């Protein structure tokens, strides 16, 4: 593992985890959760190691946090990190033409918004066809819905996105869906703070636009444990994640079926 700065700010950093196999490797980008107000790279070493062992140059990305840095600092940093990888991944053994955008919770909002709104990656020259797939774990995809939950609004939404409905809508991946997005796998824990609804609605809107999308729910676990378990022996989420990722980057030519795992 190695740590790199993708920008000048203190939290504009990522950690790269390299597979044990021969390069070049497809590139998997993971944005951590924490309600846009917390989260540290050190929390995701097991995840980074496991996804790299599965054959992906894995970048675990952190970013500036609210309330000191409100929206759009987080999505701007996410785009900047992907831009850095587009330029630097080849030197690290990666194939930047095979990118996967992934995230958990707030990080899933970042990954799915980058996939929906091409304006964020355009300044970095990242072509849309390079985005091969999107993975969202327990994501917050509809900010006006989240704002109706008192504790989410107080702790997450207002500190990062302010008080304006228009700002919440503009930052909601569900409300920004366009045709031509890459395949999505959206996954929830069994107990997930009501976020199943967010995933179902995003999946529905993506499907309406012709995007391949799957939504699955774990048989157990909660919003935090579902991501903490990634990389643990026998973890089903890890298996599904790697299976989808290999299919999305073209390393598996039969149709993907999350139910077969």
C-alpha atoms as a PDB file:
ATOM      1  CA  UNK A   1       0.000   0.000   0.000  1.00  0.00           C
ATOM      2  CA  UNK A   2       1.156   3.533  -0.749  1.00  0.00           C
ATOM      3  CA  UNK A   3      -0.379   6.911   0.053  1.00  0.00           C
ATOM      4  CA  UNK A   4      -0.588   9.700  -2.514  1.00  0.00           C
ATOM      5  CA  UNK A   5      -1.790  13.297  -2.573  1.00  0.00           C
ATOM      6  CA  UNK A   6      -4.168  14.042  -5.427  1.00  0.00           C
ATOM      7  CA  UNK A   7      -4.419  17.721  -4.483  1.00  0.00           C
ATOM      8  CA  UNK A   8      -2.851  20.327  -2.184  1.00  0.00           C
ATOM      9  CA  UNK A   9      -5.384  20.196   0.677  1.00  0.00           C
ATOM     10  CA  UNK A  10      -4.688  18.123   3.780  1.00  0.00           C
ATOM     11  CA  UNK A  11      -7.430  15.557   3.117  1.00  0.00           C
ATOM     12  CA  UNK A  12      -6.951  15.279  -0.636  1.00  0.00           C
ATOM     13  CA  UNK A  13      -5.289  11.891  -0.316  1.00  0.00           C
ATOM     14  CA  UNK A  14      -5.764   8.320  -1.442  1.00  0.00           C
ATOM     15  CA  UNK A  15      -4.217   4.958  -0.668  1.00  0.00           C
ATOM     16  CA  UNK A  16      -3.340   2.541  -3.457  1.00  0.00           C
ATOM     17  CA  UNK A  17      -3.524  -1.207  -2.916  1.00  0.00           C
ATOM     18  CA  UNK A  18      -1.864  -3.365  -5.580  1.00  0.00           C
ATOM     19  CA  UNK A  19      -2.886  -6.891  -6.631  1.00  0.00           C
ATOM     20  CA  UNK A  20      -0.417  -9.775  -6.352  1.00  0.00           C
ATOM     21  CA  UNK A  21      -0.960 -10.640 -10.037  1.00  0.00           C
ATOM     22  CA  UNK A  22       0.753  -9.212 -13.104  1.00  0.00           C
ATOM     23  CA  UNK A  23      -0.238  -5.711 -14.267  1.00  0.00           C
ATOM     24  CA  UNK A  24      -2.042  -3.987 -15.869  1.00  0.00           C
ATOM     25  CA  UNK A  25      -5.034  -4.118 -13.555  1.00  0.00           C
ATOM     26  CA  UNK A  26      -8.441  -2.448 -13.834  1.00  0.00           C
ATOM     27  CA  UNK A  27      -8.818   0.444 -11.406  1.00  0.00           C
ATOM     28  CA  UNK A  28     -11.373   0.392  -8.585  1.00  0.00           C
ATOM     29  CA  UNK A  29     -12.016   3.692  -6.806  1.00  0.00           C
ATOM     30  CA  UNK A  30     -13.666   3.625  -3.379  1.00  0.00           C
ATOM     31  CA  UNK A  31     -15.036   6.697  -1.575  1.00  0.00           C
ATOM     32  CA  UNK A  32     -15.599   6.157   2.147  1.00  0.00           C
ATOM     33  CA  UNK A  33     -18.727   7.041   4.051  1.00  0.00           C
ATOM     34  CA  UNK A  34     -19.227   9.084   7.195  1.00  0.00           C
ATOM     35  CA  UNK A  35     -22.086  11.417   6.336  1.00  0.00           C
ATOM     36  CA  UNK A  36     -19.735  13.820   4.527  1.00  0.00           C
ATOM     37  CA  UNK A  37     -18.516  14.893   7.979  1.00  0.00           C
ATOM     38  CA  UNK A  38     -16.179  12.057   9.042  1.00  0.00           C
ATOM     39  CA  UNK A  39     -14.113   9.115   7.813  1.00  0.00           C
ATOM     40  CA  UNK A  40     -10.439   8.141   7.724  1.00  0.00           C
ATOM     41  CA  UNK A  41      -8.357   6.116   5.290  1.00  0.00           C
ATOM     42  CA  UNK A  42      -7.069   3.879   8.070  1.00  0.00           C
ATOM     43  CA  UNK A  43     -10.555   2.428   8.570  1.00  0.00           C
ATOM     44  CA  UNK A  44     -10.518   0.750   5.150  1.00  0.00           C
ATOM     45  CA  UNK A  45      -7.272  -1.194   5.000  1.00  0.00           C
ATOM     46  CA  UNK A  46      -9.048  -4.571   5.124  1.00  0.00           C
ATOM     47  CA  UNK A  47     -11.358  -3.475   2.304  1.00  0.00           C
ATOM     48  CA  UNK A  48      -8.512  -2.137   0.166  1.00  0.00           C
ATOM     49  CA  UNK A  49      -6.447  -5.268   0.662  1.00  0.00           C
ATOM     50  CA  UNK A  50      -9.341  -7.589  -0.213  1.00  0.00           C
ATOM     51  CA  UNK A  51     -10.381  -5.770  -3.385  1.00  0.00           C
ATOM     52  CA  UNK A  52      -6.768  -5.603  -4.541  1.00  0.00           C
ATOM     53  CA  UNK A  53      -6.370  -9.323  -3.870  1.00  0.00           C
ATOM     54  CA  UNK A  54      -9.351  -9.772  -6.181  1.00  0.00           C
ATOM     55  CA  UNK A  55      -7.360  -8.288  -9.069  1.00  0.00           C
ATOM     56  CA  UNK A  56      -8.023  -4.542  -8.949  1.00  0.00           C
ATOM     57  CA  UNK A  57      -5.666  -1.633  -8.413  1.00  0.00           C
ATOM     58  CA  UNK A  58      -7.733  -0.247  -5.557  1.00  0.00           C
ATOM     59  CA  UNK A  59      -7.748   3.427  -4.605  1.00  0.00           C
ATOM     60  CA  UNK A  60      -9.350   4.264  -1.257  1.00  0.00           C
ATOM     61  CA  UNK A  61     -10.090   7.996  -1.392  1.00  0.00           C
ATOM     62  CA  UNK A  62     -10.661  10.519   1.355  1.00  0.00           C
ATOM     63  CA  UNK A  63     -11.818  14.092   0.825  1.00  0.00           C
ATOM     64  CA  UNK A  64     -12.494  17.381   2.581  1.00  0.00           C
ATOM     65  CA  UNK A  65     -15.266  17.233   5.163  1.00  0.00           C
ATOM     66  CA  UNK A  66     -18.189  19.386   6.205  1.00  0.00           C
ATOM     67  CA  UNK A  67     -18.948  21.617   7.992  1.00  0.00           C
ATOM     68  CA  UNK A  68     -15.525  23.227   7.473  1.00  0.00           C
ATOM     69  CA  UNK A  69     -15.769  22.403   3.783  1.00  0.00           C
ATOM     70  CA  UNK A  70     -19.417  22.252   2.668  1.00  0.00           C
ATOM     71  CA  UNK A  71     -20.708  20.944  -0.642  1.00  0.00           C
ATOM     72  CA  UNK A  72     -19.469  20.946  -3.374  1.00  0.00           C
ATOM     73  CA  UNK A  73     -16.041  20.302  -1.799  1.00  0.00           C
ATOM     74  CA  UNK A  74     -16.688  16.557  -1.459  1.00  0.00           C
ATOM     75  CA  UNK A  75     -17.831  15.887  -5.034  1.00  0.00           C
ATOM     76  CA  UNK A  76     -15.138  18.218  -6.378  1.00  0.00           C
ATOM     77  CA  UNK A  77     -12.509  16.229  -4.488  1.00  0.00           C
ATOM     78  CA  UNK A  78     -13.968  12.933  -5.692  1.00  0.00           C
ATOM     79  CA  UNK A  79     -13.729  14.135  -9.282  1.00  0.00           C
ATOM     80  CA  UNK A  80     -10.202  15.401  -8.732  1.00  0.00           C
ATOM     81  CA  UNK A  81      -9.138  12.021  -7.328  1.00  0.00           C
ATOM     82  CA  UNK A  82     -10.536  10.208 -10.364  1.00  0.00           C
ATOM     83  CA  UNK A  83      -8.759  12.721 -12.584  1.00  0.00           C
ATOM     84  CA  UNK A  84      -5.493  12.033 -10.786  1.00  0.00           C
ATOM     85  CA  UNK A  85      -5.979   8.300 -11.312  1.00  0.00           C
ATOM     86  CA  UNK A  86      -6.774   8.846 -14.992  1.00  0.00           C
ATOM     87  CA  UNK A  87      -3.356  10.504 -15.326  1.00  0.00           C
ATOM     88  CA  UNK A  88      -1.306   8.398 -12.898  1.00  0.00           C
ATOM     89  CA  UNK A  89      -2.802   4.908 -12.756  1.00  0.00           C
ATOM     90  CA  UNK A  90      -0.782   3.564 -15.669  1.00  0.00           C
ATOM     91  CA  UNK A  91       2.453   4.432 -13.882  1.00  0.00           C
ATOM     92  CA  UNK A  92       1.157   2.427 -10.895  1.00  0.00           C
ATOM     93  CA  UNK A  93       0.260  -0.619 -12.990  1.00  0.00           C
ATOM     94  CA  UNK A  94      -3.380   0.243 -13.573  1.00  0.00           C
ATOM     95  CA  UNK A  95      -5.463   0.459 -16.724  1.00  0.00           C
ATOM     96  CA  UNK A  96      -7.365   3.767 -16.445  1.00  0.00           C
ATOM     97  CA  UNK A  97      -9.614   2.869 -19.370  1.00  0.00           C
ATOM     98  CA  UNK A  98     -11.283   0.334 -17.030  1.00  0.00           C
ATOM     99  CA  UNK A  99     -12.493   2.367 -14.063  1.00  0.00           C
ATOM    100  CA  UNK A 100     -15.050   1.413 -11.421  1.00  0.00           C
ATOM    101  CA  UNK A 101     -16.568   4.034  -9.130  1.00  0.00           C
ATOM    102  CA  UNK A 102     -17.568   2.662  -5.735  1.00  0.00           C
ATOM    103  CA  UNK A 103     -18.613   4.016  -2.375  1.00  0.00           C
ATOM    104  CA  UNK A 104     -20.393   3.428   0.903  1.00  0.00           C
ATOM    105  CA  UNK A 105     -23.086   5.680   2.371  1.00  0.00           C
ATOM    106  CA  UNK A 106     -21.998   9.284   1.630  1.00  0.00           C
ATOM    107  CA  UNK A 107     -19.288   7.838  -0.581  1.00  0.00           C
ATOM    108  CA  UNK A 108     -21.928   6.035  -2.627  1.00  0.00           C
ATOM    109  CA  UNK A 109     -23.585   9.407  -3.244  1.00  0.00           C
ATOM    110  CA  UNK A 110     -20.262  10.670  -4.598  1.00  0.00           C
ATOM    111  CA  UNK A 111     -19.697   7.651  -6.845  1.00  0.00           C
ATOM    112  CA  UNK A 112     -23.197   7.684  -8.321  1.00  0.00           C
ATOM    113  CA  UNK A 113     -23.247  11.465  -8.811  1.00  0.00           C
ATOM    114  CA  UNK A 114     -19.957  11.314 -10.725  1.00  0.00           C
ATOM    115  CA  UNK A 115     -21.496   8.675 -12.975  1.00  0.00           C
ATOM    116  CA  UNK A 116     -24.624  10.756 -13.565  1.00  0.00           C
ATOM    117  CA  UNK A 117     -23.186  14.244 -14.033  1.00  0.00           C
ATOM    118  CA  UNK A 118     -20.414  14.303 -16.641  1.00  0.00           C
ATOM    119  CA  UNK A 119     -19.570  17.917 -15.809  1.00  0.00           C
ATOM    120  CA  UNK A 120     -17.570  16.884 -12.737  1.00  0.00           C
ATOM    121  CA  UNK A 121     -15.065  14.673 -14.602  1.00  0.00           C
ATOM    122  CA  UNK A 122     -14.944  16.629 -17.871  1.00  0.00           C
ATOM    123  CA  UNK A 123     -12.267  19.110 -16.673  1.00  0.00           C
ATOM    124  CA  UNK A 124      -9.900  16.180 -16.056  1.00  0.00           C
ATOM    125  CA  UNK A 125     -10.364  14.638 -19.484  1.00  0.00           C
ATOM    126  CA  UNK A 126     -11.840  11.389 -18.158  1.00  0.00           C
ATOM    127  CA  UNK A 127     -13.898   9.938 -21.029  1.00  0.00           C
ATOM    128  CA  UNK A 128     -17.307   8.507 -20.218  1.00  0.00           C
ATOM    129  CA  UNK A 129     -16.503   5.094 -21.766  1.00  0.00           C
ATOM    130  CA  UNK A 130     -13.703   4.641 -19.214  1.00  0.00           C
ATOM    131  CA  UNK A 131     -16.356   4.369 -16.478  1.00  0.00           C
ATOM    132  CA  UNK A 132     -17.200   0.670 -16.659  1.00  0.00           C
ATOM    133  CA  UNK A 133     -19.328   0.235 -13.557  1.00  0.00           C
ATOM    134  CA  UNK A 134     -20.635   1.742 -10.321  1.00  0.00           C
ATOM    135  CA  UNK A 135     -21.049   0.100  -6.913  1.00  0.00           C
ATOM    136  CA  UNK A 136     -23.115   1.797  -4.236  1.00  0.00           C
ATOM    137  CA  UNK A 137     -23.275   0.252  -0.766  1.00  0.00           C
ATOM    138  CA  UNK A 138     -25.969   1.652   1.555  1.00  0.00           C
ATOM    139  CA  UNK A 139     -26.025   4.916  -0.328  1.00  0.00           C
ATOM    140  CA  UNK A 140     -27.805   8.191   0.383  1.00  0.00           C
ATOM    141  CA  UNK A 141     -29.112   8.964  -3.106  1.00  0.00           C
ATOM    142  CA  UNK A 142     -32.098  11.252  -2.489  1.00  0.00           C
ATOM    143  CA  UNK A 143     -31.127  14.116  -0.191  1.00  0.00           C
ATOM    144  CA  UNK A 144     -34.616  15.633   0.194  1.00  0.00           C
ATOM    145  CA  UNK A 145     -35.799  12.261   1.512  1.00  0.00           C
ATOM    146  CA  UNK A 146     -32.837  12.083   3.903  1.00  0.00           C
ATOM    147  CA  UNK A 147     -33.593  15.614   5.090  1.00  0.00           C
ATOM    148  CA  UNK A 148     -37.021  14.455   6.264  1.00  0.00           C
ATOM    149  CA  UNK A 149     -35.306  12.239   8.855  1.00  0.00           C
ATOM    150  CA  UNK A 150     -34.565  14.617  11.712  1.00  0.00           C
ATOM    151  CA  UNK A 151     -31.199  13.192  12.777  1.00  0.00           C
ATOM    152  CA  UNK A 152     -29.937  12.816   9.204  1.00  0.00           C
ATOM    153  CA  UNK A 153     -30.902  16.394   8.438  1.00  0.00           C
ATOM    154  CA  UNK A 154     -29.221  17.730  11.583  1.00  0.00           C
ATOM    155  CA  UNK A 155     -26.000  15.679  11.419  1.00  0.00           C
ATOM    156  CA  UNK A 156     -25.489  15.134   7.668  1.00  0.00           C
ATOM    157  CA  UNK A 157     -27.574  17.172   5.282  1.00  0.00           C
ATOM    158  CA  UNK A 158     -27.558  20.701   6.668  1.00  0.00           C
ATOM    159  CA  UNK A 159     -23.874  20.728   7.760  1.00  0.00           C
ATOM    160  CA  UNK A 160     -22.800  19.697   4.259  1.00  0.00           C
ATOM    161  CA  UNK A 161     -25.514  20.870   1.843  1.00  0.00           C
ATOM    162  CA  UNK A 162     -27.105  23.775   3.685  1.00  0.00           C
ATOM    163  CA  UNK A 163     -30.792  24.524   3.998  1.00  0.00           C
ATOM    164  CA  UNK A 164     -31.885  24.916   0.374  1.00  0.00           C
ATOM    165  CA  UNK A 165     -34.071  22.303  -1.294  1.00  0.00           C
ATOM    166  CA  UNK A 166     -32.541  23.210  -4.660  1.00  0.00           C
ATOM    167  CA  UNK A 167     -29.048  22.324  -3.422  1.00  0.00           C
ATOM    168  CA  UNK A 168     -30.269  19.007  -2.026  1.00  0.00           C
ATOM    169  CA  UNK A 169     -31.898  18.112  -5.341  1.00  0.00           C
ATOM    170  CA  UNK A 170     -28.835  19.047  -7.414  1.00  0.00           C
ATOM    171  CA  UNK A 171     -26.660  16.763  -5.280  1.00  0.00           C
ATOM    172  CA  UNK A 172     -29.095  13.823  -5.392  1.00  0.00           C
ATOM    173  CA  UNK A 173     -27.974  11.125  -7.844  1.00  0.00           C
ATOM    174  CA  UNK A 174     -31.555   9.863  -8.132  1.00  0.00           C
ATOM    175  CA  UNK A 175     -32.663  13.243  -9.457  1.00  0.00           C
ATOM    176  CA  UNK A 176     -29.742  13.561 -11.884  1.00  0.00           C
ATOM    177  CA  UNK A 177     -30.013  10.218 -13.709  1.00  0.00           C
ATOM    178  CA  UNK A 178     -29.270  10.356 -17.432  1.00  0.00           C
ATOM    179  CA  UNK A 179     -29.166   7.852 -20.264  1.00  0.00           C
ATOM    180  CA  UNK A 180     -25.855   6.191 -20.993  1.00  0.00           C
ATOM    181  CA  UNK A 181     -24.649   5.624 -17.437  1.00  0.00           C
ATOM    182  CA  UNK A 182     -22.480   2.551 -16.764  1.00  0.00           C
ATOM    183  CA  UNK A 183     -23.942  -0.561 -15.085  1.00  0.00           C
ATOM    184  CA  UNK A 184     -24.763  -0.149 -11.391  1.00  0.00           C
ATOM    185  CA  UNK A 185     -24.880  -2.587  -8.509  1.00  0.00           C
ATOM    186  CA  UNK A 186     -26.685  -1.095  -5.495  1.00  0.00           C
ATOM    187  CA  UNK A 187     -26.578  -3.018  -2.226  1.00  0.00           C
ATOM    188  CA  UNK A 188     -28.090  -2.533   1.210  1.00  0.00           C
ATOM    189  CA  UNK A 189     -27.703  -4.135   4.590  1.00  0.00           C
ATOM    190  CA  UNK A 190     -30.734  -5.827   6.118  1.00  0.00           C
ATOM    191  CA  UNK A 191     -31.014  -2.988   8.664  1.00  0.00           C
ATOM    192  CA  UNK A 192     -30.008   0.190   6.878  1.00  0.00           C
ATOM    193  CA  UNK A 193     -31.703   3.288   8.317  1.00  0.00           C
ATOM    194  CA  UNK A 194     -34.439   3.201   5.680  1.00  0.00           C
ATOM    195  CA  UNK A 195     -31.973   3.606   2.804  1.00  0.00           C
ATOM    196  CA  UNK A 196     -33.420   0.630   0.906  1.00  0.00           C
ATOM    197  CA  UNK A 197     -35.959   3.105  -0.473  1.00  0.00           C
ATOM    198  CA  UNK A 198     -33.154   5.268  -1.846  1.00  0.00           C
ATOM    199  CA  UNK A 199     -31.622   2.322  -3.689  1.00  0.00           C
ATOM    200  CA  UNK A 200     -34.939   1.116  -5.081  1.00  0.00           C
ATOM    201  CA  UNK A 201     -35.790   4.527  -6.486  1.00  0.00           C
ATOM    202  CA  UNK A 202     -32.355   5.057  -8.006  1.00  0.00           C
ATOM    203  CA  UNK A 203     -32.469   1.581  -9.536  1.00  0.00           C
ATOM    204  CA  UNK A 204     -35.914   2.283 -10.997  1.00  0.00           C
ATOM    205  CA  UNK A 205     -34.832   5.546 -12.604  1.00  0.00           C
ATOM    206  CA  UNK A 206     -31.643   4.041 -13.989  1.00  0.00           C
ATOM    207  CA  UNK A 207     -33.606   1.174 -15.508  1.00  0.00           C
ATOM    208  CA  UNK A 208     -36.038   3.641 -17.106  1.00  0.00           C
ATOM    209  CA  UNK A 209     -33.028   5.194 -18.879  1.00  0.00           C
ATOM    210  CA  UNK A 210     -31.798   1.819 -20.122  1.00  0.00           C
ATOM    211  CA  UNK A 211     -28.953   1.346 -17.649  1.00  0.00           C
ATOM    212  CA  UNK A 212     -28.204  -2.171 -16.423  1.00  0.00           C
ATOM    213  CA  UNK A 213     -28.814  -2.099 -12.683  1.00  0.00           C
ATOM    214  CA  UNK A 214     -29.177  -4.586  -9.844  1.00  0.00           C
ATOM    215  CA  UNK A 215     -30.354  -3.992  -6.281  1.00  0.00           C
ATOM    216  CA  UNK A 216     -29.630  -6.572  -3.595  1.00  0.00           C
ATOM    217  CA  UNK A 217     -30.087  -6.700   0.176  1.00  0.00           C
ATOM    218  CA  UNK A 218     -27.965  -8.635   2.666  1.00  0.00           C
ATOM    219  CA  UNK A 219     -29.648 -11.258   4.768  1.00  0.00           C
ATOM    220  CA  UNK A 220     -28.341  -9.619   7.930  1.00  0.00           C
ATOM    221  CA  UNK A 221     -26.076  -6.816   9.133  1.00  0.00           C
ATOM    222  CA  UNK A 222     -26.514  -3.079   9.426  1.00  0.00           C
ATOM    223  CA  UNK A 223     -25.345   0.148   7.793  1.00  0.00           C
ATOM    224  CA  UNK A 224     -21.918   0.008   9.428  1.00  0.00           C
ATOM    225  CA  UNK A 225     -21.262  -3.728   9.622  1.00  0.00           C
ATOM    226  CA  UNK A 226     -21.940  -4.270   5.910  1.00  0.00           C
ATOM    227  CA  UNK A 227     -18.848  -2.270   4.972  1.00  0.00           C
ATOM    228  CA  UNK A 228     -16.733  -3.352   7.945  1.00  0.00           C
ATOM    229  CA  UNK A 229     -17.187  -6.976   6.856  1.00  0.00           C
ATOM    230  CA  UNK A 230     -15.770  -6.449   3.364  1.00  0.00           C
ATOM    231  CA  UNK A 231     -12.647  -8.575   3.161  1.00  0.00           C
ATOM    232  CA  UNK A 232     -13.596 -10.823   6.061  1.00  0.00           C
ATOM    233  CA  UNK A 233     -13.466 -14.579   5.339  1.00  0.00           C
ATOM    234  CA  UNK A 234     -16.653 -15.778   3.666  1.00  0.00           C
ATOM    235  CA  UNK A 235     -18.192 -12.312   3.296  1.00  0.00           C
ATOM    236  CA  UNK A 236     -20.935 -12.441   0.644  1.00  0.00           C
ATOM    237  CA  UNK A 237     -20.775  -8.717  -0.134  1.00  0.00           C
ATOM    238  CA  UNK A 238     -17.098  -9.038  -1.032  1.00  0.00           C
ATOM    239  CA  UNK A 239     -17.824 -11.936  -3.387  1.00  0.00           C
ATOM    240  CA  UNK A 240     -20.655 -10.103  -5.120  1.00  0.00           C
ATOM    241  CA  UNK A 241     -18.606  -6.911  -5.393  1.00  0.00           C
ATOM    242  CA  UNK A 242     -15.674  -8.645  -7.058  1.00  0.00           C
ATOM    243  CA  UNK A 243     -17.940 -10.695  -9.310  1.00  0.00           C
ATOM    244  CA  UNK A 244     -19.765  -7.578 -10.524  1.00  0.00           C
ATOM    245  CA  UNK A 245     -16.495  -5.682 -10.947  1.00  0.00           C
ATOM    246  CA  UNK A 246     -14.900  -8.398 -13.088  1.00  0.00           C
ATOM    247  CA  UNK A 247     -18.022  -8.555 -15.238  1.00  0.00           C
ATOM    248  CA  UNK A 248     -18.213  -4.766 -15.608  1.00  0.00           C
ATOM    249  CA  UNK A 249     -14.613  -4.398 -16.817  1.00  0.00           C
ATOM    250  CA  UNK A 250     -15.085  -7.140 -19.386  1.00  0.00           C
ATOM    251  CA  UNK A 251     -13.234 -10.002 -17.704  1.00  0.00           C
ATOM    252  CA  UNK A 252     -16.369 -12.140 -17.612  1.00  0.00           C
ATOM    253  CA  UNK A 253     -18.478 -12.530 -20.717  1.00  0.00           C
ATOM    254  CA  UNK A 254     -21.582 -14.252 -19.402  1.00  0.00           C
ATOM    255  CA  UNK A 255     -24.418 -12.118 -18.000  1.00  0.00           C
ATOM    256  CA  UNK A 256     -23.949 -11.128 -14.377  1.00  0.00           C
ATOM    257  CA  UNK A 257     -26.371 -12.639 -11.874  1.00  0.00           C
ATOM    258  CA  UNK A 258     -25.976 -11.561  -8.224  1.00  0.00           C
ATOM    259  CA  UNK A 259     -28.202 -14.426  -7.152  1.00  0.00           C
ATOM    260  CA  UNK A 260     -25.752 -17.069  -8.253  1.00  0.00           C
ATOM    261  CA  UNK A 261     -23.229 -16.268  -5.497  1.00  0.00           C
END
